Amino acid sequence: MAYYYPEPSRTFSEFLLIPNLTTKDCTPAHVDLKTPITKFKKGEQPDISLNIPFSSAVMQSVSDDQMAIALARCGGISFIFGSQSPEDQAAMVRKVKEYKSGFVVSRSNLTPDHTLKDVLELKEETGHSTIAVTDDGSPTGKLLGIVTGRDYRISRDPLDKRVSELMTPFSSLIVGKSGINLPEANDMIWEHKLNCLPIVDGEQRLESLVFRKDYDAHKENPLALMDGNKSYIVGAGINTKDYEERVPLLVEAGADILVIDASDGYTEWQRDTIAYVKENFNVKIGAGNVVDKEGFLYLVESGADFVKVGIGGGSICITREQKGIGRGQASSLIEVAEAREQYYKETGIYVPICSDGGIVHDYHLTLALAMGADFVMMGRYFARFDESPTKKLKVGNNFVKEFWGEGSNRARNWQRYDTGGKSGLVFEEGVDSYVPYAGSLKENLDKTISKIKSTMSNCGAKSIDELQRNARITLVSATSLVEGGAHDVIMKETNFSGE
């Protein structure tokens, strides 16, 4: 006879937080959202932590290199989508790792024999307005000069004019010497009123560039998530089909952490994939998705560094409609968090869990953290922003962004589904849709983080760990849901946006 769960499958909207005593020092300014993303032993620190508990979903319409840079700059992480060729995915990872907040390896380079036409084409291709001129056109060649937008006028200079006639020659450049540290480089930039400081070795070979704008960006984003080389931390999604081809390229490109992207993670295919990665590479790997204790323990015992929780709760996911598989996100998270705590007591190893799906309102994020999630993965939330890779369109009188699921025909991501069968989707588990355009990531993320910190202050918690230990959570009735919003009034027109 089948096993029946006595409790209904519950969502975040069925719960509310009960306030605890808020002490005078428990204010949003004192709330720290730093959180682990990789497992660690009791008394030790995780190898990788996030400065804010946010991850963008492993989706074509959400997580490319631009989203990864923007989110890492704010303190979170992106897992670049795997439903593309291994080479293209590795190239995206490489772009993120090369986008250093400090010393930048030059990716726009020409020789003196190139022309203004080449300059303009390279600028169009890369978006870079500063081009290094080296003897061989490589990023580590002998530096001969720099070309910027101030060195030419399109209306007057012919397209066949040589770079050697346009560039500011090396003799006129102010450069830093190999071995200079970042504060010293920034001091030179400010002292000489530079926008860019080339760093060269004793043979005049170019090592890197330091930009004024990166200094400003760092000051504006003190929580930026970076490795020891001042490169942004980035993740990448993999599947259980081509991992032997994909993983080596991602590791070589510099991916800091991997995650197996699958609608159902409680499979032997995931165990095999984790084993391959652990045996051959020194890189962290998460797995999932699961919705109960058994699935969680299976992946943890397989070696997963974190586990993703949630099946069928995403805004574009129709797995529950198509297959009748899944569970309410709150119920899933509560059970897995209990299993994680029991595993920690027995082994002394803490395995972070990621809540993936089911987020409708900002307060659901705080509930997810209170219920045990260490960080939250979202697709719809991030798809709305300028930094997502999809088109901004006008539909009717409103601006929208395209958003489609990895289980839709548009994504062509059959490798995500562990069927062990045909190389293609037999039926869809995701939809192709639009989401309302919301502007820049940072502006919206700052507002969401303010709400989370304010709620945590109400709960008397200055950290996510305190919130998980001390939160008081209550079920709500259908009528109290109505009471919780504006009711029995006539609403005025307003320009303030909702969530």
Protein backbone atom coordinates (compact mmCIF):
# COMPACT_ATOMS: atom_id res chain seq x y z
CA MET A 1 0.00 0.00 0.00
CA ALA A 2 1.27 3.49 -0.87
CA TYR A 3 2.51 5.74 1.92
CA TYR A 4 0.27 8.74 2.66
CA TYR A 5 1.61 11.88 4.32
CA PRO A 6 -0.82 12.95 7.06
CA GLU A 7 -0.05 16.67 6.71
CA PRO A 8 -1.09 18.69 3.64
CA SER A 9 1.57 20.03 1.27
CA ARG A 10 2.01 23.66 2.35
CA THR A 11 3.32 26.82 0.69
CA PHE A 12 4.97 29.92 2.14
CA SER A 13 1.74 31.93 1.94
CA GLU A 14 0.25 29.66 4.60
CA PHE A 15 2.69 30.89 7.25
CA LEU A 16 3.54 34.09 9.10
CA LEU A 17 6.36 35.04 11.45
CA ILE A 18 5.55 35.99 15.05
CA PRO A 19 7.65 38.94 16.38
CA ASN A 20 10.21 38.34 19.11
CA LEU A 21 11.63 40.98 21.43
CA THR A 22 13.57 43.54 19.39
CA THR A 23 16.50 44.83 21.43
CA LYS A 24 17.90 48.32 20.89
CA ASP A 25 20.89 47.03 18.95
CA CYS A 26 18.78 44.78 16.73
CA THR A 27 18.25 47.19 13.85
CA PRO A 28 18.50 46.60 10.08
CA ALA A 29 21.92 48.29 10.07
CA HIS A 30 23.23 45.57 12.41
CA VAL A 31 21.78 42.59 10.51
CA ASP A 32 24.40 40.45 8.75
CA LEU A 33 23.15 38.26 5.88
CA LYS A 34 26.37 36.31 5.30
CA THR A 35 25.60 32.63 4.77
CA PRO A 36 27.43 29.39 3.83
CA ILE A 37 27.02 27.77 0.43
CA THR A 38 29.39 24.79 0.91
CA LYS A 39 29.46 22.16 3.65
CA PHE A 40 31.86 22.46 6.58
CA LYS A 41 32.74 20.71 9.82
CA LYS A 42 31.71 22.00 13.23
CA GLY A 43 34.14 24.66 14.43
CA GLU A 44 35.43 25.35 10.91
CA GLN A 45 34.48 27.87 8.25
CA PRO A 46 32.99 27.03 4.82
CA ASP A 47 35.26 27.37 1.81
CA ILE A 48 32.68 29.58 0.09
CA SER A 49 30.11 31.86 1.72
CA LEU A 50 27.68 34.34 0.22
CA ASN A 51 27.40 37.89 1.54
CA ILE A 52 23.67 37.92 0.75
CA PRO A 53 21.52 34.75 0.56
CA PHE A 54 20.65 35.09 -3.13
CA SER A 55 21.37 32.92 -6.15
CA SER A 56 20.00 33.34 -9.66
CA ALA A 57 18.52 30.23 -11.24
CA VAL A 58 20.26 27.95 -13.73
CA MET A 59 18.19 29.24 -16.65
CA GLN A 60 18.82 30.55 -20.17
CA SER A 61 16.55 33.51 -19.51
CA VAL A 62 18.24 34.44 -16.22
CA SER A 63 21.89 33.55 -15.62
CA ASP A 64 24.54 34.55 -18.14
CA ASP A 65 27.88 36.28 -17.54
CA GLN A 66 26.31 39.75 -17.21
CA MET A 67 23.88 38.58 -14.50
CA ALA A 68 26.73 36.75 -12.76
CA ILE A 69 28.85 39.90 -12.62
CA ALA A 70 25.97 42.09 -11.45
CA LEU A 71 24.85 39.69 -8.71
CA ALA A 72 28.38 38.91 -7.48
CA ARG A 73 28.97 42.66 -7.26
CA CYS A 74 26.03 42.79 -4.81
CA GLY A 75 27.24 39.79 -2.78
CA GLY A 76 25.27 36.88 -4.30
CA ILE A 77 26.02 34.20 -6.88
CA SER A 78 24.80 33.11 -10.30
CA PHE A 79 24.95 29.60 -11.71
CA ILE A 80 25.45 30.10 -15.44
CA PHE A 81 23.00 28.02 -17.42
CA GLY A 82 24.16 24.69 -18.82
CA SER A 83 21.69 24.34 -21.70
CA GLN A 84 24.33 25.51 -24.18
CA SER A 85 27.51 23.98 -25.52
CA PRO A 86 30.23 23.29 -22.94
CA GLU A 87 32.52 25.66 -24.84
CA ASP A 88 30.03 28.54 -24.76
CA GLN A 89 29.27 28.02 -21.09
CA ALA A 90 32.99 27.93 -20.23
CA ALA A 91 33.45 31.16 -22.21
CA MET A 92 30.80 32.84 -20.05
CA VAL A 93 32.50 31.63 -16.87
CA ARG A 94 35.82 32.93 -18.17
CA LYS A 95 34.32 36.37 -18.85
CA VAL A 96 33.16 36.60 -15.24
CA LYS A 97 36.51 35.49 -13.81
CA GLU A 98 38.41 37.93 -16.04
CA TYR A 99 36.17 40.80 -14.95
CA LYS A 100 38.32 41.53 -11.94
CA SER A 101 37.44 44.20 -9.45
CA GLY A 102 40.99 45.51 -9.60
CA PHE A 103 43.65 44.13 -11.94
CA VAL A 104 41.97 43.32 -15.26
CA VAL A 105 43.56 41.22 -18.00
CA SER A 106 43.09 43.26 -21.17
CA ARG A 107 40.57 41.62 -23.54
CA SER A 108 40.62 44.39 -26.18
CA ASN A 109 43.97 44.54 -27.92
CA LEU A 110 45.29 45.63 -31.32
CA THR A 111 48.63 46.22 -33.04
CA PRO A 112 49.89 49.58 -34.38
CA ASP A 113 49.16 48.38 -37.91
CA HIS A 114 45.42 48.03 -37.30
CA THR A 115 43.09 50.83 -38.37
CA LEU A 116 40.36 53.01 -36.91
CA LYS A 117 37.88 50.63 -38.53
CA ASP A 118 39.33 47.80 -36.44
CA VAL A 119 39.08 49.97 -33.32
CA LEU A 120 35.40 50.66 -33.93
CA GLU A 121 34.62 47.02 -34.72
CA LEU A 122 36.40 45.83 -31.57
CA LYS A 123 34.57 48.40 -29.46
CA GLU A 124 31.24 47.26 -30.93
CA GLU A 125 32.11 43.62 -30.24
CA THR A 126 33.36 44.00 -26.65
CA GLY A 127 31.85 47.26 -25.44
CA HIS A 128 35.31 48.36 -24.28
CA SER A 129 36.35 51.95 -24.95
CA THR A 130 39.96 51.43 -23.81
CA ILE A 131 42.12 49.36 -26.17
CA ALA A 132 45.68 48.31 -25.42
CA VAL A 133 48.11 48.47 -28.35
CA THR A 134 50.79 45.78 -28.14
CA ASP A 135 53.46 44.59 -30.56
CA ASP A 136 51.63 41.33 -31.28
CA GLY A 137 48.05 42.32 -30.43
CA SER A 138 47.98 39.99 -27.43
CA PRO A 139 47.01 40.90 -23.83
CA THR A 140 50.59 40.17 -22.66
CA GLY A 141 52.58 41.65 -25.56
CA LYS A 142 54.94 44.62 -25.33
CA LEU A 143 52.82 47.70 -24.60
CA LEU A 144 53.23 50.36 -27.28
CA GLY A 145 50.29 52.61 -26.50
CA ILE A 146 46.61 53.02 -25.53
CA VAL A 147 43.63 54.03 -27.66
CA THR A 148 40.50 55.51 -26.06
CA GLY A 149 37.49 57.37 -27.40
CA ARG A 150 39.36 60.65 -26.83
CA ASP A 151 42.00 59.73 -29.42
CA TYR A 152 39.82 59.92 -32.53
CA ARG A 153 36.83 61.68 -34.05
CA ILE A 154 34.69 59.54 -36.30
CA SER A 155 33.48 62.59 -38.19
CA ARG A 156 37.02 63.67 -39.13
CA ASP A 157 39.37 60.68 -38.98
CA PRO A 158 39.31 58.29 -41.97
CA LEU A 159 38.52 54.65 -41.20
CA ASP A 160 41.83 53.52 -42.70
CA LYS A 161 43.88 55.70 -40.35
CA ARG A 162 46.40 53.49 -38.56
CA VAL A 163 46.31 52.89 -34.83
CA SER A 164 49.93 54.07 -34.57
CA GLU A 165 48.73 57.55 -35.58
CA LEU A 166 45.80 57.52 -33.13
CA MET A 167 47.21 56.01 -29.96
CA THR A 168 48.75 57.72 -26.98
CA PRO A 169 52.29 56.27 -27.21
CA PHE A 170 53.94 54.43 -24.35
CA SER A 171 56.38 57.31 -23.80
CA SER A 172 53.43 59.54 -22.87
CA LEU A 173 51.68 56.99 -20.63
CA ILE A 174 51.81 56.78 -16.87
CA VAL A 175 52.16 53.10 -15.95
CA GLY A 176 52.44 50.97 -12.86
CA LYS A 177 55.24 48.45 -12.41
CA SER A 178 54.77 44.73 -11.88
CA GLY A 179 54.19 43.89 -8.21
CA ILE A 180 52.25 47.05 -7.38
CA ASN A 181 49.28 46.42 -5.08
CA LEU A 182 45.76 47.68 -5.67
CA PRO A 183 45.79 50.56 -3.14
CA GLU A 184 49.03 51.85 -4.67
CA ALA A 185 47.56 51.58 -8.17
CA ASN A 186 44.45 53.46 -7.11
CA ASP A 187 46.60 56.17 -5.52
CA MET A 188 48.39 56.65 -8.85
CA ILE A 189 45.06 56.86 -10.67
CA TRP A 190 43.83 59.61 -8.37
CA GLU A 191 47.17 61.45 -8.23
CA HIS A 192 47.49 61.66 -12.02
CA LYS A 193 43.75 61.94 -12.75
CA LEU A 194 43.73 58.80 -14.88
CA ASN A 195 40.84 56.64 -16.05
CA CYS A 196 43.11 53.66 -16.70
CA LEU A 197 46.52 52.59 -15.36
CA PRO A 198 48.41 49.93 -17.36
CA ILE A 199 50.62 47.57 -15.34
CA VAL A 200 53.80 46.42 -17.11
CA ASP A 201 56.78 44.23 -16.25
CA GLY A 202 60.47 45.06 -16.60
CA GLU A 203 60.40 44.31 -20.33
CA GLN A 204 57.43 46.64 -20.94
CA ARG A 205 55.09 43.69 -21.40
CA LEU A 206 51.48 44.36 -20.43
CA GLU A 207 50.26 42.45 -17.36
CA SER A 208 46.92 44.07 -16.58
CA LEU A 209 44.88 47.26 -16.45
CA VAL A 210 43.45 49.05 -13.41
CA PHE A 211 40.39 51.26 -13.99
CA ARG A 212 39.08 54.19 -11.98
CA LYS A 213 35.51 52.91 -12.50
CA ASP A 214 36.37 49.65 -10.69
CA TYR A 215 37.53 51.62 -7.65
CA ASP A 216 34.23 53.50 -7.64
CA ALA A 217 32.27 50.27 -8.13
CA HIS A 218 34.04 48.64 -5.18
CA LYS A 219 33.21 51.56 -2.90
CA GLU A 220 29.57 51.40 -4.00
CA ASN A 221 29.43 47.61 -3.52
CA PRO A 222 31.30 46.70 -0.33
CA LEU A 223 29.66 43.23 -0.21
CA ALA A 224 31.01 42.15 -3.62
CA LEU A 225 31.65 38.39 -3.66
CA MET A 226 35.26 37.85 -4.74
CA ASP A 227 37.97 35.21 -4.53
CA GLY A 228 41.54 35.73 -3.36
CA ASN A 229 42.53 37.13 -6.75
CA LYS A 230 39.82 39.82 -6.64
CA SER A 231 37.83 38.00 -9.33
CA TYR A 232 34.09 37.59 -8.93
CA ILE A 233 32.90 34.20 -7.67
CA VAL A 234 30.70 32.37 -10.18
CA GLY A 235 28.89 29.05 -10.39
CA ALA A 236 27.85 26.88 -13.32
CA GLY A 237 25.05 24.40 -13.89
CA ILE A 238 25.78 20.92 -15.22
CA ASN A 239 23.65 17.89 -16.11
CA THR A 240 24.02 14.13 -15.66
CA LYS A 241 24.53 13.40 -19.36
CA ASP A 242 27.62 15.22 -20.70
CA TYR A 243 29.42 16.04 -17.44
CA GLU A 244 32.62 14.26 -18.48
CA GLU A 245 32.92 16.68 -21.39
CA ARG A 246 31.53 19.78 -19.67
CA VAL A 247 33.11 19.80 -16.21
CA PRO A 248 36.78 19.90 -17.30
CA LEU A 249 36.12 22.97 -19.44
CA LEU A 250 34.22 24.74 -16.64
CA VAL A 251 36.95 24.02 -14.10
CA GLU A 252 39.65 25.19 -16.50
CA ALA A 253 37.66 28.40 -17.07
CA GLY A 254 37.67 29.06 -13.32
CA ALA A 255 34.19 28.07 -12.08
CA ASP A 256 34.19 28.26 -8.29
CA ILE A 257 31.27 25.91 -7.72
CA LEU A 258 29.02 23.64 -9.80
CA VAL A 259 25.44 22.49 -9.34
CA ILE A 260 23.61 19.60 -10.97
CA ASP A 261 20.51 21.13 -12.54
CA ALA A 262 17.65 18.60 -12.62
CA SER A 263 13.94 18.61 -11.91
CA ASP A 264 14.36 15.52 -9.67
CA GLY A 265 17.69 14.99 -7.94
CA TYR A 266 16.94 11.77 -6.06
CA THR A 267 18.59 9.59 -8.71
CA GLU A 268 21.58 7.32 -9.20
CA TRP A 269 22.64 9.51 -12.13
CA GLN A 270 23.31 12.36 -9.68
CA ARG A 271 25.38 10.09 -7.44
CA ASP A 272 27.52 9.09 -10.44
CA THR A 273 27.98 12.73 -11.47
CA ILE A 274 29.03 13.83 -7.98
CA ALA A 275 31.47 10.91 -7.73
CA TYR A 276 33.09 11.85 -11.07
CA VAL A 277 33.57 15.47 -10.00
CA LYS A 278 34.92 14.60 -6.56
CA GLU A 279 37.36 12.01 -7.92
CA ASN A 280 38.79 14.19 -10.69
CA PHE A 281 38.59 17.86 -9.64
CA ASN A 282 39.05 20.14 -6.68
CA VAL A 283 35.76 22.02 -7.11
CA LYS A 284 32.63 22.24 -5.01
CA ILE A 285 29.36 20.77 -6.30
CA GLY A 286 25.75 21.07 -5.20
CA ALA A 287 22.96 18.70 -6.18
CA GLY A 288 19.17 18.46 -6.29
CA ASN A 289 16.33 19.01 -6.38
CA VAL A 290 14.71 17.04 -3.54
CA VAL A 291 11.65 17.51 -1.34
CA ASP A 292 12.16 15.17 1.63
CA LYS A 293 14.56 13.65 4.14
CA GLU A 294 15.36 10.58 2.02
CA GLY A 295 16.36 12.61 -1.04
CA PHE A 296 18.48 14.98 1.05
CA LEU A 297 20.40 12.22 2.81
CA TYR A 298 20.99 10.36 -0.45
CA LEU A 299 22.67 13.38 -2.03
CA VAL A 300 24.62 14.28 1.11
CA GLU A 301 25.96 10.73 1.41
CA SER A 302 26.85 10.92 -2.29
CA GLY A 303 29.14 13.87 -1.47
CA ALA A 304 27.07 16.97 -2.34
CA ASP A 305 28.42 20.24 -0.91
CA PHE A 306 24.93 21.74 -0.78
CA VAL A 307 21.45 20.49 -1.64
CA LYS A 308 18.69 22.26 -3.56
CA VAL A 309 15.13 21.84 -2.32
CA GLY A 310 11.95 22.20 -4.37
CA ILE A 311 10.04 20.46 -7.15
CA GLY A 312 7.25 22.10 -9.11
CA GLY A 313 7.10 25.41 -7.23
CA GLY A 314 8.71 27.69 -9.81
CA SER A 315 6.54 30.31 -11.48
CA ILE A 316 7.12 28.81 -14.94
CA CYS A 317 7.19 25.16 -13.79
CA ILE A 318 4.28 22.85 -14.66
CA THR A 319 5.81 19.59 -13.41
CA ARG A 320 2.98 19.12 -10.90
CA GLU A 321 0.35 19.64 -13.58
CA GLN A 322 2.07 17.35 -16.06
CA LYS A 323 3.31 14.56 -13.80
CA GLY A 324 1.65 14.97 -10.40
CA ILE A 325 5.11 15.08 -8.82
CA GLY A 326 6.21 17.65 -6.26
CA ARG A 327 5.45 19.13 -2.89
CA GLY A 328 4.58 22.51 -1.39
CA GLN A 329 7.81 24.45 -0.95
CA ALA A 330 7.33 25.18 2.75
CA SER A 331 6.63 21.53 3.59
CA SER A 332 9.67 20.43 1.58
CA LEU A 333 11.96 22.93 3.26
CA ILE A 334 10.77 22.17 6.80
CA GLU A 335 11.39 18.42 6.42
CA VAL A 336 14.78 18.80 4.75
CA ALA A 337 15.93 21.36 7.33
CA GLU A 338 15.02 18.95 10.12
CA ALA A 339 17.01 16.21 8.38
CA ARG A 340 19.96 18.56 7.97
CA GLU A 341 19.97 19.43 11.68
CA GLN A 342 19.84 15.73 12.64
CA TYR A 343 22.69 14.96 10.24
CA TYR A 344 24.73 17.80 11.75
CA LYS A 345 24.18 16.47 15.29
CA GLU A 346 25.26 12.98 14.27
CA THR A 347 28.25 13.83 12.08
CA GLY A 348 29.33 17.39 12.94
CA ILE A 349 29.06 18.28 9.22
CA TYR A 350 26.77 21.15 8.23
CA VAL A 351 25.34 20.90 4.70
CA PRO A 352 23.73 24.14 3.42
CA ILE A 353 20.36 23.90 1.74
CA CYS A 354 19.05 26.11 -1.05
CA SER A 355 15.34 26.84 -1.36
CA ASP A 356 14.54 26.79 -5.08
CA GLY A 357 11.06 27.96 -6.13
CA GLY A 358 7.84 29.00 -4.48
CA ILE A 359 8.79 32.66 -3.89
CA VAL A 360 5.92 35.01 -4.73
CA HIS A 361 6.39 37.90 -2.29
CA ASP A 362 9.52 39.32 -0.69
CA TYR A 363 8.46 38.15 2.77
CA HIS A 364 8.56 34.56 1.48
CA LEU A 365 12.33 34.96 1.34
CA THR A 366 12.53 35.67 5.06
CA LEU A 367 10.21 32.75 5.76
CA ALA A 368 12.42 30.44 3.67
CA LEU A 369 15.48 31.52 5.67
CA ALA A 370 13.63 31.11 8.97
CA MET A 371 12.52 27.61 7.95
CA GLY A 372 16.13 26.56 7.43
CA ALA A 373 17.29 27.65 3.98
CA ASP A 374 20.82 29.05 3.90
CA PHE A 375 20.17 30.77 0.59
CA VAL A 376 17.41 31.07 -1.98
CA MET A 377 17.54 30.47 -5.73
CA MET A 378 15.15 32.47 -7.94
CA GLY A 379 14.38 32.78 -11.62
CA ARG A 380 11.38 35.07 -12.07
CA TYR A 381 12.77 37.57 -9.58
CA PHE A 382 15.99 38.10 -11.55
CA ALA A 383 14.50 37.70 -15.03
CA ARG A 384 12.79 41.11 -14.62
CA PHE A 385 16.00 43.13 -14.51
CA ASP A 386 18.17 44.92 -17.06
CA GLU A 387 20.99 42.48 -16.39
CA SER A 388 19.09 39.35 -17.45
CA PRO A 389 19.92 38.11 -20.97
CA THR A 390 16.42 38.38 -22.47
CA LYS A 391 14.82 41.08 -24.58
CA LYS A 392 12.90 44.01 -23.13
CA LEU A 393 9.62 44.29 -25.05
CA LYS A 394 6.56 46.48 -24.98
CA VAL A 395 3.34 44.48 -24.77
CA GLY A 396 0.30 46.73 -24.75
CA ASN A 397 1.19 49.68 -22.54
CA ASN A 398 3.66 47.78 -20.39
CA PHE A 399 7.31 46.84 -20.70
CA VAL A 400 8.12 43.19 -20.09
CA LYS A 401 11.04 40.78 -20.32
CA GLU A 402 10.88 37.30 -21.82
CA PHE A 403 11.08 34.40 -19.36
CA TRP A 404 10.93 30.71 -20.17
CA GLY A 405 11.48 27.54 -18.21
CA GLU A 406 14.27 25.04 -18.76
CA GLY A 407 11.54 22.44 -19.16
CA SER A 408 9.96 24.29 -22.08
CA ASN A 409 10.49 23.37 -25.73
CA ARG A 410 12.18 26.74 -26.23
CA ALA A 411 15.02 25.83 -23.86
CA ARG A 412 15.66 22.47 -25.60
CA ASN A 413 17.20 21.28 -22.35
CA TRP A 414 16.34 17.59 -22.44
CA GLN A 415 19.57 16.75 -20.57
CA ARG A 416 18.05 18.24 -17.42
CA TYR A 417 15.61 15.35 -17.14
CA ASP A 418 17.03 12.06 -15.92
CA THR A 419 14.90 9.80 -18.08
CA GLY A 420 17.75 7.65 -19.33
CA GLY A 421 15.84 7.50 -22.60
CA LYS A 422 15.31 9.65 -25.66
CA SER A 423 17.49 12.63 -26.52
CA GLY A 424 14.69 15.16 -26.49
CA LEU A 425 11.64 16.41 -24.62
CA VAL A 426 8.57 14.22 -25.04
CA PHE A 427 6.43 16.75 -23.16
CA GLU A 428 7.02 20.15 -21.54
CA GLU A 429 7.48 20.80 -17.84
CA GLY A 430 7.88 24.57 -18.23
CA VAL A 431 6.21 27.47 -20.03
CA ASP A 432 7.32 30.36 -22.24
CA SER A 433 6.14 33.65 -20.73
CA TYR A 434 6.74 37.32 -19.89
CA VAL A 435 7.51 39.02 -16.58
CA PRO A 436 6.98 42.74 -15.83
CA TYR A 437 10.15 44.74 -16.46
CA ALA A 438 11.50 46.10 -13.17
CA GLY A 439 14.66 48.10 -13.98
CA SER A 440 18.12 47.54 -12.51
CA LEU A 441 19.09 44.61 -10.31
CA LYS A 442 20.80 46.62 -7.57
CA GLU A 443 17.91 49.04 -7.04
CA ASN A 444 15.39 46.22 -6.61
CA LEU A 445 17.72 43.97 -4.63
CA ASP A 446 18.48 46.76 -2.16
CA LYS A 447 14.75 47.17 -1.52
CA THR A 448 14.25 43.42 -1.01
CA ILE A 449 17.22 43.20 1.35
CA SER A 450 15.84 46.13 3.35
CA LYS A 451 12.59 44.23 3.84
CA ILE A 452 14.41 41.08 4.95
CA LYS A 453 16.58 42.96 7.44
CA SER A 454 13.59 44.84 8.82
CA THR A 455 11.64 41.61 9.33
CA MET A 456 14.64 39.92 10.96
CA SER A 457 14.90 42.85 13.35
CA ASN A 458 11.23 42.31 14.28
CA CYS A 459 12.15 38.69 15.00
CA GLY A 460 15.05 39.73 17.23
CA ALA A 461 17.65 38.20 14.87
CA LYS A 462 20.87 39.84 13.67
CA SER A 463 21.98 36.87 11.56
CA ILE A 464 20.40 34.09 9.53
CA ASP A 465 21.62 31.57 12.10
CA GLU A 466 19.83 33.48 14.89
CA LEU A 467 16.69 33.69 12.78
CA GLN A 468 16.67 29.93 12.21
CA ARG A 469 17.23 29.20 15.91
CA ASN A 470 14.76 31.70 17.35
CA ALA A 471 12.04 32.28 14.74
CA ARG A 472 8.45 31.62 15.72
CA ILE A 473 6.21 30.64 12.82
CA THR A 474 2.45 30.21 12.71
CA LEU A 475 0.02 28.73 10.22
CA VAL A 476 -2.62 31.13 8.91
CA SER A 477 -6.23 30.58 7.97
CA ALA A 478 -7.84 31.53 4.67
CA THR A 479 -9.67 34.43 6.27
CA SER A 480 -6.52 35.80 7.90
CA LEU A 481 -4.92 35.95 4.46
CA VAL A 482 -7.63 38.42 3.46
CA GLU A 483 -7.11 40.35 6.68
CA GLY A 484 -3.37 40.62 5.96
CA GLY A 485 -3.83 42.84 2.91
CA ALA A 486 -5.66 46.10 2.35
CA HIS A 487 -9.38 45.43 2.78
CA ASP A 488 -12.69 47.22 3.27
CA VAL A 489 -11.31 50.44 1.76
CA ILE A 490 -11.39 52.14 -1.63
CA MET A 491 -7.82 52.28 -2.91
CA LYS A 492 -6.44 55.51 -4.36
CA GLU A 493 -4.32 55.62 -7.51
CA THR A 494 -0.63 55.35 -6.60
CA ASN A 495 2.70 55.50 -8.40
CA PHE A 496 4.45 53.34 -5.84
CA SER A 497 5.34 49.92 -7.18
CA GLY A 498 4.49 46.72 -5.43
CA GLU A 499 6.79 43.75 -5.49
